[in-house]
Amino acid sequence: MTTTVAGVGVGVRDLVTRNVRQSGIFVAFIAIVALFSVLNSDFLSPGNLTNIVLQYSYVLILATGMLMVIVLGQIDLSVGSVVALTGAVAAEVVIKGHAPWYVGVLSALVVGFLVGCWQGFWVASVGIPGFIVTLAGMLLFRGLTYIVLNNISLSPFNGTYYGIANGFLNGLFGGYGIDTFTVVIFAIAVVGYAVSQWRTRRGRIAYQQVVESMPLFVAKIVVVAAVVMWFGSQLARSRGLPIVLILLAVLIIAYSIVMQKSVFGRHIYAIGGNLNAAQLSGVKVRKVTFWTFVNMGVLASVAGVVFSARTNGAQPGAGNMFELDAIAACFIGGASTTGGVGRVTGAMVGGLIMAVLANGMQLMGVGQAVQQVVKGIVLLLAVAFDIWNRRRAEATR
């Protein structure tokens, strides 16, 4: 089978080779899912799939923002502490202050915005490396969390705030043992994906870029549609459509557009790929760097709201090691350690791999210590693959 480029056939092997960073991670994800489904029959059950969405949504939210920071050529070690701080602020406002749930959410978002401005200032304006600034931030914001909570946990939220990470949309269309509304939403998503891919294909042909042959293109759409609809039907057989999944979908779509279609996203790639060239090209490096860290702060606050809602409270030690999960998700998903390379979809798959590994090992009764060992090995292999791939690319030039 061949691909088509302005009427010239190009082998599928060449197309896969050009995208080996992304194609490899999808293969790895499928292999891990298949392994755990064989080892434990409950892994792909409707209830467990729903639990994966609810329990690990914060990783995907953090990975979305972390990807932009890593593509920029920076790193953020403070997101776990920001998750704890913003959750603590929301708890103080809603639980102790008896304010409406949306006031707590807005308070958390404002704190996340201010945190992003603080760190963006030191990185962009003062010129301190992001590693140092966010390392200081990790300590600073963790300390503020203890001060805000007075070293004690606050719970419960209950009500609408609790439903942010634990609520479902279901029963709107009725059904027989399956939530029809959930299935309809996933069907609409599949149609939207197909239309988007078709428009992307036409655009690439217009610019004489490499595209798949029509049979391969159709096969890809059919496979994706089948997997998505199966996943949707499994959720529909459990409790319906998780509200947090809707939030994730909105973030993934929005940030995919920002990174691939907007001037701001292109500038992030330009700075991470070659800082000097970006400066000579007129890219406002300080401005882009500042707003990238602000964005990370806001997304960390979103994760803080989701995590505190999921746990139905705020704890001084919340968010511990979350930054490592987010960073690992990005690197496993194909982001380069040197910046300039990475996609939102890749980070999402990387986050799902982390979630599947944790969930699968928990179902098998694997201890926390062994889980950390496995995650560390997976991260090391992902970075080693990145280095190998870059050296192979340089050798073929």
Protein backbone atom coordinates (compact mmCIF):
# COMPACT_ATOMS: atom_id res chain seq x y z
CA MET A 1 0.00 0.00 0.00
CA THR A 2 1.27 3.49 -0.80
CA THR A 3 0.63 7.05 0.24
CA THR A 4 -0.03 9.84 -2.22
CA VAL A 5 1.95 13.03 -2.62
CA ALA A 6 0.85 15.12 -5.60
CA GLY A 7 0.29 11.95 -7.56
CA VAL A 8 3.52 10.23 -6.50
CA GLY A 9 3.38 7.01 -4.47
CA VAL A 10 5.26 6.92 -1.17
CA GLY A 11 5.58 3.73 0.85
CA VAL A 12 3.63 3.40 4.09
CA ARG A 13 6.87 2.31 5.76
CA ASP A 14 8.37 5.70 4.92
CA LEU A 15 5.33 7.45 6.38
CA VAL A 16 5.54 5.45 9.61
CA THR A 17 9.30 6.06 9.84
CA ARG A 18 8.80 9.80 9.58
CA ASN A 19 6.38 9.62 12.52
CA VAL A 20 8.15 6.93 14.53
CA ARG A 21 8.05 8.99 17.73
CA GLN A 22 4.25 9.12 17.67
CA SER A 23 3.47 5.76 16.07
CA GLY A 24 5.73 3.95 18.53
CA ILE A 25 3.91 5.33 21.56
CA PHE A 26 0.53 4.21 20.24
CA VAL A 27 1.87 0.70 19.69
CA ALA A 28 3.28 0.68 23.22
CA PHE A 29 -0.05 1.83 24.66
CA ILE A 30 -1.97 -0.90 22.83
CA ALA A 31 0.55 -3.51 24.00
CA ILE A 32 0.25 -2.44 27.65
CA VAL A 33 -3.55 -2.47 27.52
CA ALA A 34 -3.53 -5.92 25.91
CA LEU A 35 -1.12 -7.23 28.56
CA PHE A 36 -3.21 -6.10 31.51
CA SER A 37 -6.45 -7.26 29.89
CA VAL A 38 -4.95 -10.74 29.67
CA LEU A 39 -3.55 -10.67 33.21
CA ASN A 40 -6.79 -9.40 34.77
CA SER A 41 -10.25 -9.94 33.29
CA ASP A 42 -11.64 -6.92 35.17
CA PHE A 43 -9.21 -4.45 33.60
CA LEU A 44 -11.44 -3.57 30.63
CA SER A 45 -14.68 -3.81 32.58
CA PRO A 46 -17.04 -0.79 32.42
CA GLY A 47 -16.53 0.01 36.09
CA ASN A 48 -12.73 -0.04 35.93
CA LEU A 49 -12.54 2.05 32.77
CA THR A 50 -14.74 4.63 34.46
CA ASN A 51 -12.47 4.60 37.49
CA ILE A 52 -9.40 5.19 35.29
CA VAL A 53 -11.04 8.31 33.85
CA LEU A 54 -12.00 9.61 37.29
CA GLN A 55 -8.80 8.77 39.14
CA TYR A 56 -6.15 9.93 36.66
CA SER A 57 -7.76 12.92 34.96
CA TYR A 58 -5.45 15.29 36.85
CA VAL A 59 -2.40 13.74 35.13
CA LEU A 60 -3.81 14.56 31.69
CA ILE A 61 -4.72 18.12 32.71
CA LEU A 62 -1.23 18.75 34.07
CA ALA A 63 0.40 17.06 31.07
CA THR A 64 -1.40 19.45 28.72
CA GLY A 65 0.24 22.47 30.29
CA MET A 66 3.53 20.72 30.97
CA LEU A 67 3.86 19.84 27.29
CA MET A 68 3.86 23.52 26.35
CA VAL A 69 6.52 24.24 28.96
CA ILE A 70 8.71 21.36 27.79
CA VAL A 71 8.32 22.26 24.11
CA LEU A 72 9.44 25.76 25.10
CA GLY A 73 12.64 24.18 26.43
CA GLN A 74 11.76 24.72 30.10
CA ILE A 75 10.45 22.57 32.96
CA ASP A 76 8.00 23.12 35.83
CA LEU A 77 8.65 21.25 39.09
CA SER A 78 6.06 23.15 41.12
CA VAL A 79 2.76 21.90 39.67
CA GLY A 80 2.17 19.34 42.43
CA SER A 81 2.49 22.05 45.07
CA VAL A 82 0.23 24.36 43.06
CA VAL A 83 -2.38 21.59 42.90
CA ALA A 84 -2.24 21.37 46.69
CA LEU A 85 -2.35 25.15 47.21
CA THR A 86 -5.27 25.81 44.87
CA GLY A 87 -7.23 22.90 46.32
CA ALA A 88 -6.56 24.29 49.79
CA VAL A 89 -7.80 27.75 48.79
CA ALA A 90 -10.97 26.25 47.30
CA ALA A 91 -11.55 24.27 50.49
CA GLU A 92 -11.10 27.34 52.69
CA VAL A 93 -13.60 29.28 50.58
CA VAL A 94 -16.23 26.57 50.13
CA ILE A 95 -15.96 24.46 53.30
CA LYS A 96 -14.91 26.99 55.94
CA GLY A 97 -16.26 30.10 54.23
CA HIS A 98 -19.54 28.44 53.16
CA ALA A 99 -19.32 30.18 49.78
CA PRO A 100 -20.96 28.75 46.62
CA TRP A 101 -18.97 26.14 44.73
CA TYR A 102 -18.22 28.44 41.80
CA VAL A 103 -16.61 31.01 44.13
CA GLY A 104 -14.23 28.30 45.28
CA VAL A 105 -13.41 27.36 41.70
CA LEU A 106 -12.80 30.98 40.71
CA SER A 107 -10.62 31.52 43.79
CA ALA A 108 -8.48 28.52 42.85
CA LEU A 109 -8.15 29.75 39.26
CA VAL A 110 -7.11 33.22 40.41
CA VAL A 111 -4.44 31.73 42.68
CA GLY A 112 -3.19 29.56 39.79
CA PHE A 113 -3.04 32.64 37.55
CA LEU A 114 -1.05 34.61 40.14
CA VAL A 115 1.32 31.67 40.63
CA GLY A 116 1.89 31.55 36.87
CA CYS A 117 2.55 35.31 36.77
CA TRP A 118 5.03 35.00 39.66
CA GLN A 119 7.04 32.23 38.05
CA GLY A 120 6.72 33.67 34.55
CA PHE A 121 8.19 36.95 35.79
CA TRP A 122 11.32 35.32 37.23
CA VAL A 123 11.87 33.14 34.17
CA ALA A 124 10.97 35.59 31.39
CA SER A 125 11.98 38.95 32.82
CA VAL A 126 14.79 38.15 35.25
CA GLY A 127 16.18 35.28 33.21
CA ILE A 128 16.43 32.62 35.92
CA PRO A 129 16.10 29.10 34.45
CA GLY A 130 12.67 27.55 34.86
CA PHE A 131 14.17 24.58 36.69
CA ILE A 132 15.43 26.81 39.52
CA VAL A 133 12.36 29.06 39.66
CA THR A 134 9.90 26.17 39.84
CA LEU A 135 12.09 24.23 42.26
CA ALA A 136 11.83 27.23 44.56
CA GLY A 137 8.13 27.38 43.78
CA MET A 138 7.70 23.74 44.75
CA LEU A 139 8.95 24.59 48.24
CA LEU A 140 7.24 27.98 48.45
CA PHE A 141 3.75 26.85 47.42
CA ARG A 142 3.92 23.71 49.55
CA GLY A 143 4.71 25.88 52.53
CA LEU A 144 1.81 28.20 51.70
CA THR A 145 -0.47 25.17 51.51
CA TYR A 146 0.44 24.22 55.08
CA ILE A 147 -0.19 27.82 56.18
CA VAL A 148 -3.58 28.04 54.43
CA LEU A 149 -4.77 24.72 55.88
CA ASN A 150 -3.06 25.29 59.24
CA ASN A 151 -1.52 21.82 58.89
CA ILE A 152 -4.90 20.04 58.91
CA SER A 153 -7.14 18.51 56.24
CA LEU A 154 -10.49 20.02 55.27
CA SER A 155 -13.49 17.99 54.10
CA PRO A 156 -16.07 17.37 52.77
CA PHE A 157 -17.05 19.54 49.80
CA ASN A 158 -20.18 17.63 48.77
CA GLY A 159 -22.74 19.16 46.43
CA THR A 160 -21.86 20.57 43.02
CA TYR A 161 -18.15 20.99 43.76
CA TYR A 162 -17.86 17.29 44.56
CA GLY A 163 -19.64 16.50 41.30
CA ILE A 164 -16.95 18.21 39.21
CA ALA A 165 -14.76 15.11 39.42
CA ASN A 166 -17.34 12.54 40.52
CA GLY A 167 -20.49 13.48 38.63
CA PHE A 168 -22.01 11.97 35.47
CA LEU A 169 -24.36 12.99 32.71
CA ASN A 170 -26.73 10.11 32.08
CA GLY A 171 -30.31 9.03 31.67
CA LEU A 172 -31.24 11.90 29.38
CA PHE A 173 -32.41 9.64 26.57
CA GLY A 174 -33.34 6.56 28.58
CA GLY A 175 -32.03 3.17 27.46
CA TYR A 176 -32.01 -0.52 28.23
CA GLY A 177 -28.99 -1.33 30.37
CA ILE A 178 -26.92 1.29 28.54
CA ASP A 179 -26.95 5.08 28.69
CA THR A 180 -28.01 6.25 25.24
CA PHE A 181 -26.87 9.82 25.86
CA THR A 182 -23.27 8.72 26.37
CA VAL A 183 -23.32 6.67 23.17
CA VAL A 184 -24.75 9.61 21.20
CA ILE A 185 -22.06 11.98 22.50
CA PHE A 186 -19.30 9.55 21.51
CA ALA A 187 -20.89 9.09 18.07
CA ILE A 188 -20.87 12.86 17.57
CA ALA A 189 -17.20 12.91 18.61
CA VAL A 190 -16.38 10.22 16.02
CA VAL A 191 -18.11 12.19 13.27
CA GLY A 192 -16.23 15.33 14.31
CA TYR A 193 -12.94 13.43 14.24
CA ALA A 194 -13.63 12.03 10.77
CA VAL A 195 -14.52 15.46 9.38
CA SER A 196 -11.42 17.01 10.96
CA GLN A 197 -9.15 14.32 9.52
CA TRP A 198 -10.72 14.70 6.08
CA ARG A 199 -10.17 18.46 6.09
CA THR A 200 -6.58 17.99 7.29
CA ARG A 201 -5.96 15.49 4.49
CA ARG A 202 -7.32 17.86 1.86
CA GLY A 203 -5.18 20.69 3.22
CA ARG A 204 -2.02 18.56 3.06
CA ILE A 205 -2.78 17.51 -0.50
CA ALA A 206 -3.25 21.16 -1.44
CA TYR A 207 0.23 21.91 -0.08
CA GLN A 208 1.66 18.75 -1.71
CA GLN A 209 2.49 17.08 1.60
CA VAL A 210 2.64 13.35 2.35
CA VAL A 211 -0.75 11.72 3.02
CA GLU A 212 -2.00 8.14 3.32
CA SER A 213 -3.66 6.39 0.46
CA MET A 214 -7.45 6.53 0.59
CA PRO A 215 -7.85 2.88 1.73
CA LEU A 216 -5.36 3.44 4.55
CA PHE A 217 -7.06 6.71 5.50
CA VAL A 218 -10.48 5.04 5.65
CA ALA A 219 -9.06 2.12 7.63
CA LYS A 220 -7.57 4.53 10.18
CA ILE A 221 -10.90 6.30 10.63
CA VAL A 222 -12.75 2.99 11.00
CA VAL A 223 -10.30 1.66 13.60
CA VAL A 224 -10.41 4.88 15.64
CA ALA A 225 -14.21 4.98 15.42
CA ALA A 226 -14.50 1.37 16.55
CA VAL A 227 -12.20 1.91 19.55
CA VAL A 228 -13.90 5.16 20.59
CA MET A 229 -17.41 3.73 20.28
CA TRP A 230 -16.39 0.63 22.23
CA PHE A 231 -14.96 2.81 24.99
CA GLY A 232 -18.10 4.96 24.98
CA SER A 233 -20.34 1.90 25.21
CA GLN A 234 -18.33 0.63 28.18
CA LEU A 235 -18.79 3.94 30.01
CA ALA A 236 -22.48 3.87 29.08
CA ARG A 237 -22.83 0.45 30.71
CA SER A 238 -21.32 1.79 33.93
CA ARG A 239 -22.48 5.19 35.19
CA GLY A 240 -22.66 7.23 32.02
CA LEU A 241 -20.54 10.14 30.77
CA PRO A 242 -18.16 11.51 33.43
CA ILE A 243 -18.28 15.29 33.70
CA VAL A 244 -14.51 15.41 34.06
CA LEU A 245 -14.17 13.62 30.70
CA ILE A 246 -16.05 16.49 29.05
CA LEU A 247 -13.61 18.93 30.66
CA LEU A 248 -10.68 16.87 29.40
CA ALA A 249 -12.09 16.73 25.87
CA VAL A 250 -12.52 20.51 25.77
CA LEU A 251 -8.95 21.07 27.01
CA ILE A 252 -7.44 18.56 24.56
CA ILE A 253 -9.25 20.06 21.57
CA ALA A 254 -8.53 23.65 22.59
CA TYR A 255 -4.83 23.12 23.29
CA SER A 256 -4.33 20.99 20.19
CA ILE A 257 -5.63 23.92 18.17
CA VAL A 258 -3.46 26.38 20.10
CA MET A 259 -0.29 24.36 19.60
CA GLN A 260 -0.85 23.43 15.95
CA LYS A 261 -2.84 26.31 14.48
CA SER A 262 -2.13 29.49 16.44
CA VAL A 263 0.76 31.94 16.19
CA PHE A 264 1.38 31.55 19.92
CA GLY A 265 1.81 27.79 19.54
CA ARG A 266 4.16 28.15 16.60
CA HIS A 267 6.25 30.60 18.58
CA ILE A 268 6.56 28.09 21.42
CA TYR A 269 7.90 25.50 18.96
CA ALA A 270 10.23 28.09 17.44
CA ILE A 271 11.71 29.09 20.80
CA GLY A 272 12.18 25.50 21.91
CA GLY A 273 13.63 24.46 18.58
CA ASN A 274 16.16 27.28 18.21
CA LEU A 275 16.10 30.19 20.64
CA ASN A 276 18.57 32.38 18.70
CA ALA A 277 16.75 31.88 15.42
CA ALA A 278 13.43 32.70 17.09
CA GLN A 279 14.85 35.94 18.50
CA LEU A 280 16.28 36.94 15.12
CA SER A 281 12.91 36.17 13.51
CA GLY A 282 11.17 38.69 15.73
CA VAL A 283 9.52 36.27 18.16
CA LYS A 284 8.81 37.99 21.48
CA VAL A 285 10.54 35.36 23.59
CA ARG A 286 9.92 36.98 26.97
CA LYS A 287 6.21 37.45 26.30
CA VAL A 288 5.70 33.89 25.05
CA THR A 289 7.68 32.47 27.97
CA PHE A 290 5.72 34.52 30.49
CA TRP A 291 2.31 33.44 29.20
CA THR A 292 3.36 29.81 28.89
CA PHE A 293 4.10 29.73 32.63
CA VAL A 294 0.88 31.61 33.36
CA ASN A 295 -1.00 28.98 31.39
CA MET A 296 0.74 26.24 33.37
CA GLY A 297 -0.32 27.88 36.61
CA VAL A 298 -3.95 28.08 35.49
CA LEU A 299 -4.02 24.46 34.34
CA ALA A 300 -2.42 23.38 37.62
CA SER A 301 -5.26 25.15 39.42
CA VAL A 302 -7.79 23.30 37.23
CA ALA A 303 -6.08 20.06 38.24
CA GLY A 304 -6.21 21.25 41.85
CA VAL A 305 -9.96 21.75 41.64
CA VAL A 306 -10.45 18.35 40.00
CA PHE A 307 -8.23 16.52 42.48
CA SER A 308 -9.75 18.16 45.56
CA ALA A 309 -13.23 17.42 44.21
CA ARG A 310 -12.25 13.80 43.56
CA THR A 311 -10.88 13.32 47.08
CA ASN A 312 -13.71 15.44 48.51
CA GLY A 313 -11.31 17.54 50.52
CA ALA A 314 -7.95 19.30 50.73
CA GLN A 315 -4.84 17.89 52.39
CA PRO A 316 -1.46 19.56 53.07
CA GLY A 317 0.32 16.68 51.30
CA ALA A 318 -1.92 16.64 48.22
CA GLY A 319 -0.24 16.69 44.82
CA ASN A 320 2.94 15.02 46.00
CA MET A 321 4.97 13.81 42.97
CA PHE A 322 2.28 15.00 40.52
CA GLU A 323 4.90 17.02 38.66
CA LEU A 324 6.84 13.84 37.91
CA ASP A 325 3.73 12.13 36.54
CA ALA A 326 3.07 15.09 34.23
CA ILE A 327 6.68 15.31 33.07
CA ALA A 328 6.84 11.57 32.50
CA ALA A 329 3.60 11.68 30.48
CA CYS A 330 5.10 14.29 28.14
CA PHE A 331 8.41 12.49 27.62
CA ILE A 332 6.75 9.10 27.19
CA GLY A 333 4.36 10.76 24.71
CA GLY A 334 7.21 11.87 22.45
CA ALA A 335 8.26 15.28 23.74
CA SER A 336 11.95 16.00 23.30
CA THR A 337 14.21 16.65 26.27
CA THR A 338 15.78 19.55 24.37
CA GLY A 339 12.50 21.28 23.49
CA GLY A 340 10.85 22.10 20.19
CA VAL A 341 9.16 18.71 19.76
CA GLY A 342 5.92 17.33 21.18
CA ARG A 343 2.18 17.13 20.62
CA VAL A 344 -0.80 17.34 22.93
CA THR A 345 -2.13 14.01 21.67
CA GLY A 346 1.21 12.38 22.42
CA ALA A 347 1.20 13.76 25.96
CA MET A 348 -2.33 12.43 26.42
CA VAL A 349 -1.27 8.95 25.33
CA GLY A 350 1.75 9.20 27.63
CA GLY A 351 -0.55 10.14 30.50
CA LEU A 352 -2.84 7.24 29.67
CA ILE A 353 0.13 4.88 29.73
CA MET A 354 1.00 6.12 33.23
CA ALA A 355 -2.64 5.70 34.30
CA VAL A 356 -2.97 2.23 32.78
CA LEU A 357 0.29 1.08 34.37
CA ALA A 358 -0.79 2.31 37.81
CA ASN A 359 -4.31 0.93 37.55
CA GLY A 360 -3.26 -2.42 36.09
CA MET A 361 -0.62 -2.99 38.76
CA GLN A 362 -3.08 -2.03 41.49
CA LEU A 363 -5.57 -4.62 40.20
CA MET A 364 -2.79 -7.21 40.31
CA GLY A 365 -1.93 -6.27 43.89
CA VAL A 366 1.53 -4.93 43.05
CA GLY A 367 3.04 -2.87 45.87
CA GLN A 368 3.61 0.86 45.61
CA ALA A 369 7.37 0.41 45.67
CA VAL A 370 7.34 -1.87 42.63
CA GLN A 371 4.99 0.51 40.83
CA GLN A 372 7.50 3.32 41.24
CA VAL A 373 10.27 1.09 39.89
CA VAL A 374 8.23 0.23 36.80
CA LYS A 375 7.30 3.87 36.16
CA GLY A 376 10.95 4.89 36.48
CA ILE A 377 12.07 2.27 33.98
CA VAL A 378 9.36 3.27 31.51
CA LEU A 379 10.39 6.94 31.75
CA LEU A 380 14.07 6.07 31.30
CA LEU A 381 13.32 3.97 28.22
CA ALA A 382 11.20 6.77 26.74
CA VAL A 383 14.01 9.33 27.10
CA ALA A 384 16.55 6.82 25.76
CA PHE A 385 14.31 6.33 22.73
CA ASP A 386 14.17 10.09 22.23
CA ILE A 387 17.98 10.34 22.27
CA TRP A 388 18.35 7.37 19.92
CA ASN A 389 15.80 8.80 17.52
CA ARG A 390 17.54 12.20 17.39
CA ARG A 391 20.93 10.61 16.76
CA ARG A 392 19.45 8.46 13.98
CA ALA A 393 17.89 11.54 12.39
CA GLU A 394 21.19 13.43 12.55
CA ALA A 395 23.06 10.48 11.01
CA THR A 396 20.71 10.39 8.00
CA ARG A 397 21.11 14.08 7.15
